[in-house]
Amino acid sequence: MANSRLIEDVVYRYYIAYPEAFADLTDITAAELNANPNNDESGLIWNITCAISTDGTTFNLDEPDYDESTSFCQKAGAREPMAKNADVVFEFFRATSEQSTINPARLNSATIAQHLLTWRGQEMIAIMSIGKADDAPFAAGDEISVVQVATDNATTNFGSGENVTMTQNFAQRGVWAWEWPLAA
């Protein structure tokens, strides 16, 4: 909700999931994205929007790598795009209490993010959506950006008078979709 006030009514949603959460990574459905509405710790997809810090989080599509080699049939300067490059970094807050204030039987989103994103070598799917409230369910027509990533060791950030955060600089495994509308 705070994002809507800070960024001219544009709302971002951030999810993290295991690849097994989706039957087909090239055709993700709204039902699959809505599979864990309560952020149950035993799920395969989690809404970590409220744990994400706006200061150090990046979810951008950078200039693609190009193949600039040419054959004798091509003109000089021909460039073929080889791969899309996504720059995905999640900075997330560390929680002073592990439990949710809304439902004390559940972990809060900062603790879930820490459990999922602290360790090296986890194959994950990072998802960003723009345009709806952070807790709104996904529906046909919602646009998502999806990047397959692997975790590295997260870095803890300490600062005098600052909230303690952790930064996860993901290793990119591929871009599956960018601003892709969900089908019905």
N, C-alpha and C. Protein backbone atom coordinates (compact mmCIF):
# COMPACT_ATOMS: atom_id res chain seq x y z
N MET A 1 0.81 -1.18 0.00
CA MET A 1 0.00 0.00 0.00
C MET A 1 0.86 1.25 0.00
N ALA A 2 1.97 1.22 0.72
CA ALA A 2 2.84 2.39 0.76
C ALA A 2 3.41 2.69 -0.62
N ASN A 3 3.66 1.64 -1.41
CA ASN A 3 4.17 1.88 -2.76
C ASN A 3 3.22 2.74 -3.58
N SER A 4 1.92 2.58 -3.39
CA SER A 4 0.97 3.35 -4.19
C SER A 4 1.06 4.83 -3.86
N ARG A 5 1.43 5.18 -2.64
CA ARG A 5 1.58 6.59 -2.28
C ARG A 5 2.91 7.14 -2.76
N LEU A 6 3.93 6.33 -2.76
CA LEU A 6 5.27 6.79 -3.11
C LEU A 6 5.50 6.88 -4.61
N ILE A 7 4.84 6.06 -5.38
CA ILE A 7 5.16 5.95 -6.79
C ILE A 7 3.92 6.22 -7.63
N GLU A 8 3.23 7.33 -7.37
CA GLU A 8 2.12 7.80 -8.18
C GLU A 8 1.08 6.73 -8.48
N ASP A 9 0.60 6.08 -7.45
CA ASP A 9 -0.45 5.07 -7.56
C ASP A 9 -0.06 3.84 -8.36
N VAL A 10 1.22 3.61 -8.57
CA VAL A 10 1.68 2.37 -9.19
C VAL A 10 2.02 1.40 -8.07
N VAL A 11 1.44 0.22 -8.13
CA VAL A 11 1.64 -0.77 -7.08
C VAL A 11 2.41 -1.95 -7.65
N TYR A 12 3.44 -2.36 -6.93
CA TYR A 12 4.26 -3.50 -7.33
C TYR A 12 3.94 -4.68 -6.43
N ARG A 13 3.95 -5.88 -7.02
CA ARG A 13 3.83 -7.12 -6.25
C ARG A 13 5.02 -8.00 -6.58
N TYR A 14 5.64 -8.56 -5.55
CA TYR A 14 6.79 -9.44 -5.74
C TYR A 14 6.48 -10.80 -5.14
N TYR A 15 6.73 -11.82 -5.95
CA TYR A 15 6.53 -13.21 -5.53
C TYR A 15 7.82 -13.97 -5.78
N ILE A 16 8.00 -15.03 -4.99
CA ILE A 16 9.10 -15.96 -5.21
C ILE A 16 8.50 -17.36 -5.18
N ALA A 17 8.97 -18.23 -6.05
CA ALA A 17 8.38 -19.57 -6.14
C ALA A 17 9.44 -20.58 -6.52
N TYR A 18 9.16 -21.82 -6.19
CA TYR A 18 9.97 -22.91 -6.71
C TYR A 18 9.45 -23.25 -8.10
N PRO A 19 10.30 -23.70 -9.01
CA PRO A 19 9.83 -24.04 -10.36
C PRO A 19 8.70 -25.07 -10.37
N GLU A 20 8.67 -25.93 -9.36
CA GLU A 20 7.63 -26.96 -9.29
C GLU A 20 6.24 -26.39 -9.06
N ALA A 21 6.13 -25.10 -8.76
CA ALA A 21 4.82 -24.47 -8.54
C ALA A 21 4.03 -24.35 -9.84
N PHE A 22 4.72 -24.54 -10.99
CA PHE A 22 4.09 -24.31 -12.29
C PHE A 22 4.18 -25.55 -13.16
N ALA A 23 3.08 -25.89 -13.79
CA ALA A 23 3.06 -27.04 -14.69
C ALA A 23 3.89 -26.76 -15.93
N ASP A 24 3.85 -25.52 -16.42
CA ASP A 24 4.58 -25.12 -17.62
C ASP A 24 5.09 -23.70 -17.41
N LEU A 25 6.40 -23.55 -17.28
CA LEU A 25 6.98 -22.23 -17.02
C LEU A 25 6.74 -21.24 -18.16
N THR A 26 6.43 -21.72 -19.33
CA THR A 26 6.16 -20.81 -20.45
C THR A 26 4.68 -20.45 -20.56
N ASP A 27 3.85 -21.01 -19.67
CA ASP A 27 2.42 -20.71 -19.67
C ASP A 27 1.90 -20.71 -18.24
N ILE A 28 2.33 -19.75 -17.45
CA ILE A 28 1.93 -19.64 -16.05
C ILE A 28 0.50 -19.12 -15.99
N THR A 29 -0.30 -19.72 -15.11
CA THR A 29 -1.71 -19.35 -15.01
C THR A 29 -1.97 -18.54 -13.73
N ALA A 30 -3.08 -17.82 -13.74
CA ALA A 30 -3.49 -17.07 -12.55
C ALA A 30 -3.75 -18.02 -11.39
N ALA A 31 -4.32 -19.18 -11.66
CA ALA A 31 -4.60 -20.16 -10.60
C ALA A 31 -3.31 -20.61 -9.91
N GLU A 32 -2.24 -20.82 -10.69
CA GLU A 32 -0.96 -21.22 -10.10
C GLU A 32 -0.38 -20.09 -9.24
N LEU A 33 -0.52 -18.85 -9.70
CA LEU A 33 -0.02 -17.71 -8.93
C LEU A 33 -0.83 -17.48 -7.66
N ASN A 34 -2.09 -17.89 -7.66
CA ASN A 34 -2.96 -17.73 -6.49
C ASN A 34 -2.99 -18.96 -5.59
N ALA A 35 -2.09 -19.91 -5.81
CA ALA A 35 -2.14 -21.21 -5.12
C ALA A 35 -1.87 -21.13 -3.62
N ASN A 36 -1.24 -20.07 -3.14
CA ASN A 36 -0.91 -19.99 -1.71
C ASN A 36 -1.32 -18.62 -1.16
N PRO A 37 -2.63 -18.33 -1.10
CA PRO A 37 -3.09 -16.99 -0.71
C PRO A 37 -2.75 -16.61 0.73
N ASN A 38 -2.54 -17.59 1.60
CA ASN A 38 -2.24 -17.32 3.00
C ASN A 38 -0.75 -17.35 3.31
N ASN A 39 0.10 -17.48 2.26
CA ASN A 39 1.55 -17.57 2.45
C ASN A 39 1.95 -18.67 3.43
N ASP A 40 1.30 -19.81 3.29
CA ASP A 40 1.64 -20.95 4.13
C ASP A 40 3.08 -21.36 3.87
N GLU A 41 3.83 -21.62 4.92
CA GLU A 41 5.25 -21.94 4.79
C GLU A 41 5.50 -23.19 3.97
N SER A 42 4.53 -24.10 3.91
CA SER A 42 4.71 -25.35 3.17
C SER A 42 4.32 -25.23 1.70
N GLY A 43 4.00 -24.03 1.23
CA GLY A 43 3.60 -23.83 -0.16
C GLY A 43 4.79 -23.86 -1.11
N LEU A 44 4.51 -23.59 -2.39
CA LEU A 44 5.55 -23.54 -3.41
C LEU A 44 5.71 -22.14 -4.01
N ILE A 45 4.80 -21.22 -3.64
CA ILE A 45 4.86 -19.84 -4.11
C ILE A 45 4.45 -18.93 -2.96
N TRP A 46 5.15 -17.77 -2.85
CA TRP A 46 4.91 -16.87 -1.73
C TRP A 46 4.89 -15.42 -2.20
N ASN A 47 3.98 -14.64 -1.62
CA ASN A 47 3.92 -13.21 -1.82
C ASN A 47 4.84 -12.57 -0.77
N ILE A 48 5.96 -12.01 -1.23
CA ILE A 48 6.91 -11.38 -0.30
C ILE A 48 6.97 -9.87 -0.49
N THR A 49 5.93 -9.31 -1.10
CA THR A 49 5.89 -7.88 -1.39
C THR A 49 6.15 -7.03 -0.16
N CYS A 50 5.51 -7.33 0.95
CA CYS A 50 5.64 -6.50 2.14
C CYS A 50 7.01 -6.63 2.81
N ALA A 51 7.79 -7.62 2.44
CA ALA A 51 9.14 -7.77 2.98
C ALA A 51 10.18 -7.06 2.12
N ILE A 52 9.83 -6.71 0.90
CA ILE A 52 10.79 -6.14 -0.05
C ILE A 52 11.01 -4.66 0.23
N SER A 53 12.27 -4.27 0.31
CA SER A 53 12.64 -2.87 0.50
C SER A 53 12.76 -2.18 -0.85
N THR A 54 12.20 -0.99 -0.96
CA THR A 54 12.28 -0.25 -2.22
C THR A 54 13.69 0.30 -2.47
N ASP A 55 14.49 0.41 -1.42
CA ASP A 55 15.83 1.01 -1.58
C ASP A 55 16.77 0.17 -2.44
N GLY A 56 16.85 -1.12 -2.17
CA GLY A 56 17.87 -1.92 -2.84
C GLY A 56 17.33 -2.98 -3.78
N THR A 57 16.05 -2.92 -4.13
CA THR A 57 15.45 -3.93 -5.00
C THR A 57 15.48 -3.47 -6.44
N THR A 58 15.87 -4.38 -7.34
CA THR A 58 15.93 -4.12 -8.77
C THR A 58 15.24 -5.25 -9.50
N PHE A 59 14.41 -4.93 -10.47
CA PHE A 59 13.77 -5.93 -11.33
C PHE A 59 13.65 -5.29 -12.70
N ASN A 60 14.76 -5.28 -13.44
CA ASN A 60 14.83 -4.58 -14.72
C ASN A 60 15.26 -5.52 -15.83
N LEU A 61 14.87 -5.18 -17.03
CA LEU A 61 15.34 -5.87 -18.22
C LEU A 61 16.40 -4.98 -18.86
N ASP A 62 17.64 -5.45 -18.85
CA ASP A 62 18.75 -4.68 -19.38
C ASP A 62 18.91 -4.93 -20.87
N GLU A 63 19.84 -4.20 -21.47
CA GLU A 63 20.18 -4.36 -22.89
C GLU A 63 20.56 -5.82 -23.15
N PRO A 64 20.01 -6.46 -24.17
CA PRO A 64 20.35 -7.86 -24.43
C PRO A 64 21.77 -8.01 -24.95
N ASP A 65 22.30 -9.23 -24.78
CA ASP A 65 23.58 -9.57 -25.41
C ASP A 65 23.34 -9.76 -26.89
N TYR A 66 24.28 -9.31 -27.69
CA TYR A 66 24.14 -9.44 -29.14
C TYR A 66 25.27 -10.28 -29.73
N ASP A 67 24.93 -11.02 -30.76
CA ASP A 67 25.93 -11.70 -31.57
C ASP A 67 26.29 -10.73 -32.69
N GLU A 68 27.52 -10.25 -32.66
CA GLU A 68 27.95 -9.26 -33.65
C GLU A 68 28.83 -9.86 -34.73
N SER A 69 28.98 -11.18 -34.70
CA SER A 69 29.75 -11.82 -35.77
C SER A 69 28.88 -11.90 -37.02
N THR A 70 29.49 -11.78 -38.16
CA THR A 70 28.74 -11.79 -39.42
C THR A 70 29.30 -12.84 -40.37
N SER A 71 28.49 -13.24 -41.30
CA SER A 71 28.94 -14.12 -42.37
C SER A 71 29.25 -13.26 -43.58
N PHE A 72 29.70 -13.87 -44.65
CA PHE A 72 29.99 -13.11 -45.86
C PHE A 72 28.71 -12.62 -46.54
N CYS A 73 27.57 -13.11 -46.10
CA CYS A 73 26.30 -12.69 -46.69
C CYS A 73 25.65 -11.53 -45.92
N GLN A 74 26.16 -11.22 -44.74
CA GLN A 74 25.57 -10.16 -43.93
C GLN A 74 26.32 -8.85 -44.09
N LYS A 75 25.62 -7.77 -43.87
CA LYS A 75 26.24 -6.45 -43.92
C LYS A 75 26.99 -6.20 -42.62
N ALA A 76 28.01 -5.39 -42.68
CA ALA A 76 28.75 -5.02 -41.48
C ALA A 76 27.81 -4.32 -40.51
N GLY A 77 27.98 -4.59 -39.25
CA GLY A 77 27.15 -3.97 -38.22
C GLY A 77 25.90 -4.75 -37.90
N ALA A 78 25.66 -5.90 -38.57
CA ALA A 78 24.48 -6.71 -38.26
C ALA A 78 24.61 -7.25 -36.85
N ARG A 79 23.53 -7.15 -36.09
CA ARG A 79 23.55 -7.65 -34.70
C ARG A 79 22.29 -8.46 -34.46
N GLU A 80 22.48 -9.64 -33.96
CA GLU A 80 21.36 -10.51 -33.62
C GLU A 80 21.27 -10.62 -32.10
N PRO A 81 20.11 -10.34 -31.50
CA PRO A 81 20.00 -10.51 -30.04
C PRO A 81 20.13 -11.99 -29.67
N MET A 82 20.96 -12.25 -28.66
CA MET A 82 21.18 -13.63 -28.23
C MET A 82 20.34 -14.00 -27.00
N ALA A 83 20.27 -13.10 -26.04
CA ALA A 83 19.54 -13.39 -24.81
C ALA A 83 19.13 -12.10 -24.15
N LYS A 84 17.97 -12.16 -23.48
CA LYS A 84 17.55 -11.04 -22.66
C LYS A 84 18.29 -11.11 -21.33
N ASN A 85 18.68 -9.97 -20.81
CA ASN A 85 19.37 -9.91 -19.53
C ASN A 85 18.49 -9.24 -18.50
N ALA A 86 18.13 -9.96 -17.49
CA ALA A 86 17.34 -9.39 -16.41
C ALA A 86 18.26 -9.14 -15.23
N ASP A 87 18.10 -8.00 -14.62
CA ASP A 87 18.85 -7.64 -13.42
C ASP A 87 17.86 -7.72 -12.27
N VAL A 88 17.95 -8.78 -11.46
CA VAL A 88 17.01 -8.99 -10.36
C VAL A 88 17.79 -9.08 -9.06
N VAL A 89 17.50 -8.14 -8.17
CA VAL A 89 18.08 -8.10 -6.82
C VAL A 89 16.93 -7.83 -5.86
N PHE A 90 16.80 -8.65 -4.84
CA PHE A 90 15.80 -8.41 -3.80
C PHE A 90 16.51 -7.99 -2.53
N GLU A 91 16.15 -6.81 -2.02
CA GLU A 91 16.56 -6.42 -0.67
C GLU A 91 15.32 -6.56 0.20
N PHE A 92 15.45 -7.30 1.29
CA PHE A 92 14.28 -7.56 2.12
C PHE A 92 14.61 -7.29 3.58
N PHE A 93 13.57 -6.90 4.32
CA PHE A 93 13.73 -6.55 5.72
C PHE A 93 13.89 -7.80 6.58
N ARG A 94 14.68 -7.67 7.61
CA ARG A 94 14.75 -8.69 8.66
C ARG A 94 13.69 -8.35 9.69
N ALA A 95 12.98 -9.31 10.17
CA ALA A 95 11.90 -9.08 11.12
C ALA A 95 12.40 -9.19 12.55
N THR A 96 11.86 -8.34 13.43
CA THR A 96 12.21 -8.44 14.85
C THR A 96 11.41 -9.57 15.51
N SER A 97 10.27 -9.91 14.92
CA SER A 97 9.47 -11.03 15.39
C SER A 97 9.19 -11.92 14.18
N GLU A 98 9.28 -13.22 14.38
CA GLU A 98 9.06 -14.14 13.25
C GLU A 98 7.59 -14.29 12.90
N GLN A 99 6.70 -14.08 13.85
CA GLN A 99 5.29 -14.36 13.64
C GLN A 99 4.56 -13.16 13.04
N SER A 100 3.53 -13.43 12.30
CA SER A 100 2.68 -12.41 11.70
C SER A 100 1.85 -11.73 12.78
N THR A 101 1.68 -10.43 12.68
CA THR A 101 0.82 -9.73 13.64
C THR A 101 -0.65 -9.98 13.32
N ILE A 102 -0.96 -10.30 12.07
CA ILE A 102 -2.34 -10.57 11.66
C ILE A 102 -2.76 -11.96 12.10
N ASN A 103 -1.89 -12.96 11.90
CA ASN A 103 -2.18 -14.33 12.28
C ASN A 103 -0.93 -14.90 12.95
N PRO A 104 -0.87 -14.85 14.29
CA PRO A 104 0.33 -15.30 15.02
C PRO A 104 0.72 -16.75 14.77
N ALA A 105 -0.17 -17.55 14.20
CA ALA A 105 0.15 -18.95 13.89
C ALA A 105 1.01 -19.05 12.64
N ARG A 106 1.15 -17.97 11.89
CA ARG A 106 1.91 -17.97 10.63
C ARG A 106 3.14 -17.09 10.76
N LEU A 107 4.13 -17.38 9.89
CA LEU A 107 5.31 -16.53 9.80
C LEU A 107 4.97 -15.27 9.01
N ASN A 108 5.62 -14.16 9.34
CA ASN A 108 5.41 -12.94 8.56
C ASN A 108 6.22 -13.03 7.26
N SER A 109 5.94 -12.12 6.31
CA SER A 109 6.57 -12.22 4.99
C SER A 109 8.07 -11.97 5.04
N ALA A 110 8.56 -11.17 5.99
CA ALA A 110 10.01 -10.94 6.11
C ALA A 110 10.71 -12.22 6.54
N THR A 111 10.12 -12.97 7.44
CA THR A 111 10.71 -14.23 7.88
C THR A 111 10.67 -15.27 6.77
N ILE A 112 9.57 -15.30 6.02
CA ILE A 112 9.47 -16.22 4.88
C ILE A 112 10.55 -15.87 3.85
N ALA A 113 10.71 -14.58 3.54
CA ALA A 113 11.74 -14.16 2.59
C ALA A 113 13.12 -14.57 3.08
N GLN A 114 13.39 -14.38 4.36
CA GLN A 114 14.70 -14.75 4.90
C GLN A 114 14.93 -16.26 4.79
N HIS A 115 13.93 -17.05 5.12
CA HIS A 115 14.08 -18.51 5.03
C HIS A 115 14.33 -18.98 3.60
N LEU A 116 13.71 -18.31 2.63
CA LEU A 116 13.83 -18.73 1.24
C LEU A 116 15.06 -18.17 0.54
N LEU A 117 15.48 -16.96 0.89
CA LEU A 117 16.46 -16.24 0.08
C LEU A 117 17.83 -16.07 0.72
N THR A 118 18.06 -16.65 1.85
CA THR A 118 19.34 -16.47 2.53
C THR A 118 20.42 -17.40 1.99
N TRP A 119 20.05 -18.56 1.58
CA TRP A 119 21.01 -19.61 1.28
C TRP A 119 21.35 -19.69 -0.20
N ARG A 120 22.52 -20.18 -0.49
CA ARG A 120 23.04 -20.30 -1.86
C ARG A 120 22.53 -21.57 -2.54
N GLY A 121 22.29 -21.46 -3.85
CA GLY A 121 22.02 -22.64 -4.66
C GLY A 121 20.57 -23.05 -4.80
N GLN A 122 19.62 -22.20 -4.42
CA GLN A 122 18.21 -22.54 -4.58
C GLN A 122 17.71 -22.05 -5.93
N GLU A 123 17.22 -22.94 -6.76
CA GLU A 123 16.62 -22.56 -8.04
C GLU A 123 15.22 -22.02 -7.75
N MET A 124 14.96 -20.79 -8.18
CA MET A 124 13.70 -20.12 -7.86
C MET A 124 13.15 -19.42 -9.10
N ILE A 125 11.92 -18.98 -9.00
CA ILE A 125 11.28 -18.15 -10.01
C ILE A 125 10.92 -16.84 -9.31
N ALA A 126 11.47 -15.72 -9.82
CA ALA A 126 11.15 -14.39 -9.30
C ALA A 126 10.08 -13.79 -10.18
N ILE A 127 9.05 -13.24 -9.56
CA ILE A 127 7.90 -12.72 -10.29
C ILE A 127 7.59 -11.30 -9.82
N MET A 128 7.36 -10.42 -10.77
CA MET A 128 6.93 -9.06 -10.46
C MET A 128 5.68 -8.76 -11.26
N SER A 129 4.75 -8.09 -10.62
CA SER A 129 3.54 -7.64 -11.28
C SER A 129 3.31 -6.19 -10.89
N ILE A 130 2.82 -5.41 -11.82
CA ILE A 130 2.56 -3.99 -11.57
C ILE A 130 1.08 -3.73 -11.80
N GLY A 131 0.45 -3.04 -10.84
CA GLY A 131 -0.88 -2.57 -11.12
C GLY A 131 -2.00 -2.90 -10.16
N LYS A 132 -1.83 -3.83 -9.24
CA LYS A 132 -2.89 -4.17 -8.31
C LYS A 132 -2.37 -4.10 -6.89
N ALA A 133 -3.28 -4.08 -5.93
CA ALA A 133 -2.90 -4.09 -4.53
C ALA A 133 -2.02 -5.31 -4.25
N ASP A 134 -1.12 -5.17 -3.28
CA ASP A 134 -0.14 -6.24 -3.04
C ASP A 134 -0.78 -7.56 -2.64
N ASP A 135 -1.99 -7.55 -2.10
CA ASP A 135 -2.63 -8.79 -1.68
C ASP A 135 -3.78 -9.21 -2.60
N ALA A 136 -3.94 -8.53 -3.73
CA ALA A 136 -5.02 -8.86 -4.67
C ALA A 136 -4.70 -10.16 -5.42
N PRO A 137 -5.71 -10.99 -5.66
CA PRO A 137 -5.45 -12.21 -6.44
C PRO A 137 -5.18 -11.87 -7.90
N PHE A 138 -4.44 -12.75 -8.55
CA PHE A 138 -4.15 -12.58 -9.98
C PHE A 138 -5.38 -12.96 -10.80
N ALA A 139 -5.52 -12.31 -11.95
CA ALA A 139 -6.64 -12.58 -12.85
C ALA A 139 -6.15 -12.49 -14.29
N ALA A 140 -6.95 -12.99 -15.20
CA ALA A 140 -6.62 -12.91 -16.62
C ALA A 140 -6.42 -11.44 -17.00
N GLY A 141 -5.37 -11.19 -17.78
CA GLY A 141 -5.05 -9.84 -18.21
C GLY A 141 -4.01 -9.15 -17.36
N ASP A 142 -3.78 -9.62 -16.13
CA ASP A 142 -2.72 -9.05 -15.30
C ASP A 142 -1.38 -9.31 -15.97
N GLU A 143 -0.50 -8.33 -15.97
CA GLU A 143 0.82 -8.50 -16.58
C GLU A 143 1.84 -8.89 -15.51
N ILE A 144 2.66 -9.89 -15.86
CA ILE A 144 3.71 -10.33 -14.96
C ILE A 144 5.04 -10.37 -15.71
N SER A 145 6.11 -10.22 -14.96
CA SER A 145 7.45 -10.44 -15.48
C SER A 145 8.03 -11.59 -14.67
N VAL A 146 8.58 -12.58 -15.37
CA VAL A 146 9.04 -13.82 -14.73
C VAL A 146 10.49 -14.07 -15.13
N VAL A 147 11.34 -14.30 -14.13
CA VAL A 147 12.75 -14.59 -14.37
C VAL A 147 13.14 -15.81 -13.54
N GLN A 148 13.77 -16.78 -14.18
CA GLN A 148 14.29 -17.92 -13.44
C GLN A 148 15.64 -17.53 -12.89
N VAL A 149 15.83 -17.75 -11.58
CA VAL A 149 17.03 -17.30 -10.88
C VAL A 149 17.55 -18.42 -9.97
N ALA A 150 18.75 -18.21 -9.48
CA ALA A 150 19.32 -19.06 -8.44
C ALA A 150 19.84 -18.15 -7.35
N THR A 151 19.66 -18.57 -6.11
CA THR A 151 20.11 -17.75 -4.99
C THR A 151 21.61 -17.88 -4.78
N ASP A 152 22.18 -16.83 -4.23
CA ASP A 152 23.55 -16.81 -3.76
C ASP A 152 23.47 -16.59 -2.25
N ASN A 153 24.58 -16.50 -1.56
CA ASN A 153 24.53 -16.19 -0.15
C ASN A 153 24.08 -14.74 0.01
N ALA A 154 23.00 -14.54 0.75
CA ALA A 154 22.48 -13.19 0.96
C ALA A 154 23.41 -12.42 1.88
N THR A 155 23.49 -11.12 1.67
CA THR A 155 24.33 -10.24 2.46
C THR A 155 23.45 -9.48 3.45
N THR A 156 23.86 -9.46 4.71
CA THR A 156 23.14 -8.70 5.71
C THR A 156 23.66 -7.27 5.72
N ASN A 157 22.73 -6.32 5.75
CA ASN A 157 23.07 -4.91 5.72
C ASN A 157 22.73 -4.27 7.06
N PHE A 158 23.77 -3.78 7.76
CA PHE A 158 23.59 -3.09 9.02
C PHE A 158 23.91 -1.62 8.84
N GLY A 159 23.20 -0.75 9.51
CA GLY A 159 23.50 0.68 9.48
C GLY A 159 23.00 1.33 10.75
N SER A 160 23.73 2.28 11.23
CA SER A 160 23.34 2.98 12.44
C SER A 160 22.01 3.69 12.21
N GLY A 161 21.02 3.36 13.02
CA GLY A 161 19.71 3.97 12.89
C GLY A 161 18.90 3.47 11.71
N GLU A 162 19.33 2.39 11.07
CA GLU A 162 18.63 1.84 9.90
C GLU A 162 18.02 0.49 10.24
N ASN A 163 16.99 0.12 9.49
CA ASN A 163 16.46 -1.23 9.59
C ASN A 163 17.50 -2.21 9.06
N VAL A 164 17.56 -3.38 9.66
CA VAL A 164 18.46 -4.42 9.16
C VAL A 164 17.77 -5.08 7.98
N THR A 165 18.49 -5.17 6.87
CA THR A 165 17.97 -5.81 5.66
C THR A 165 18.96 -6.86 5.19
N MET A 166 18.52 -7.66 4.24
CA MET A 166 19.40 -8.61 3.56
C MET A 166 19.24 -8.38 2.07
N THR A 167 20.31 -8.58 1.32
CA THR A 167 20.28 -8.41 -0.13
C THR A 167 20.62 -9.74 -0.80
N GLN A 168 19.74 -10.14 -1.73
CA GLN A 168 19.96 -11.35 -2.51
C GLN A 168 20.23 -10.93 -3.96
N ASN A 169 21.48 -11.10 -4.38
CA ASN A 169 21.86 -10.86 -5.78
C ASN A 169 21.73 -12.18 -6.52
N PHE A 170 20.64 -12.34 -7.22
CA PHE A 170 20.35 -13.61 -7.89
C PHE A 170 21.27 -13.84 -9.08
N ALA A 171 21.55 -15.10 -9.34
CA ALA A 171 22.17 -15.49 -10.60
C ALA A 171 21.03 -15.76 -11.57
N GLN A 172 21.09 -15.17 -12.74
CA GLN A 172 20.02 -15.33 -13.71
C GLN A 172 20.13 -16.68 -14.41
N ARG A 173 18.99 -17.32 -14.57
CA ARG A 173 18.92 -18.59 -15.31
C ARG A 173 18.15 -18.44 -16.61
N GLY A 174 17.48 -17.32 -16.79
CA GLY A 174 16.73 -17.09 -18.02
C GLY A 174 15.50 -16.25 -17.77
N VAL A 175 15.06 -15.56 -18.80
CA VAL A 175 13.84 -14.76 -18.74
C VAL A 175 12.74 -15.56 -19.42
N TRP A 176 11.69 -15.82 -18.69
CA TRP A 176 10.60 -16.60 -19.27
C TRP A 176 9.53 -15.71 -19.85
N ALA A 177 9.30 -14.56 -19.21
CA ALA A 177 8.27 -13.64 -19.71
C ALA A 177 8.55 -12.26 -19.18
N TRP A 178 8.25 -11.27 -19.99
CA TRP A 178 8.42 -9.88 -19.54
C TRP A 178 7.18 -9.09 -19.91
N GLU A 179 6.51 -8.54 -18.91
CA GLU A 179 5.25 -7.82 -19.08
C GLU A 179 4.28 -8.64 -19.92
N TRP A 180 4.12 -9.87 -19.51
CA TRP A 180 3.32 -10.86 -20.22
C TRP A 180 1.92 -10.93 -19.59
N PRO A 181 0.85 -10.75 -20.38
CA PRO A 181 -0.51 -10.82 -19.81
C PRO A 181 -0.93 -12.27 -19.56
N LEU A 182 -1.50 -12.50 -18.39
CA LEU A 182 -1.98 -13.83 -18.07
C LEU A 182 -3.22 -14.15 -18.89
N ALA A 183 -3.28 -15.37 -19.38
CA ALA A 183 -4.44 -15.82 -20.15
C ALA A 183 -5.55 -16.23 -19.20
N ALA A 184 -6.75 -16.35 -19.73
CA ALA A 184 -7.91 -16.76 -18.91
C ALA A 184 -7.76 -18.19 -18.47
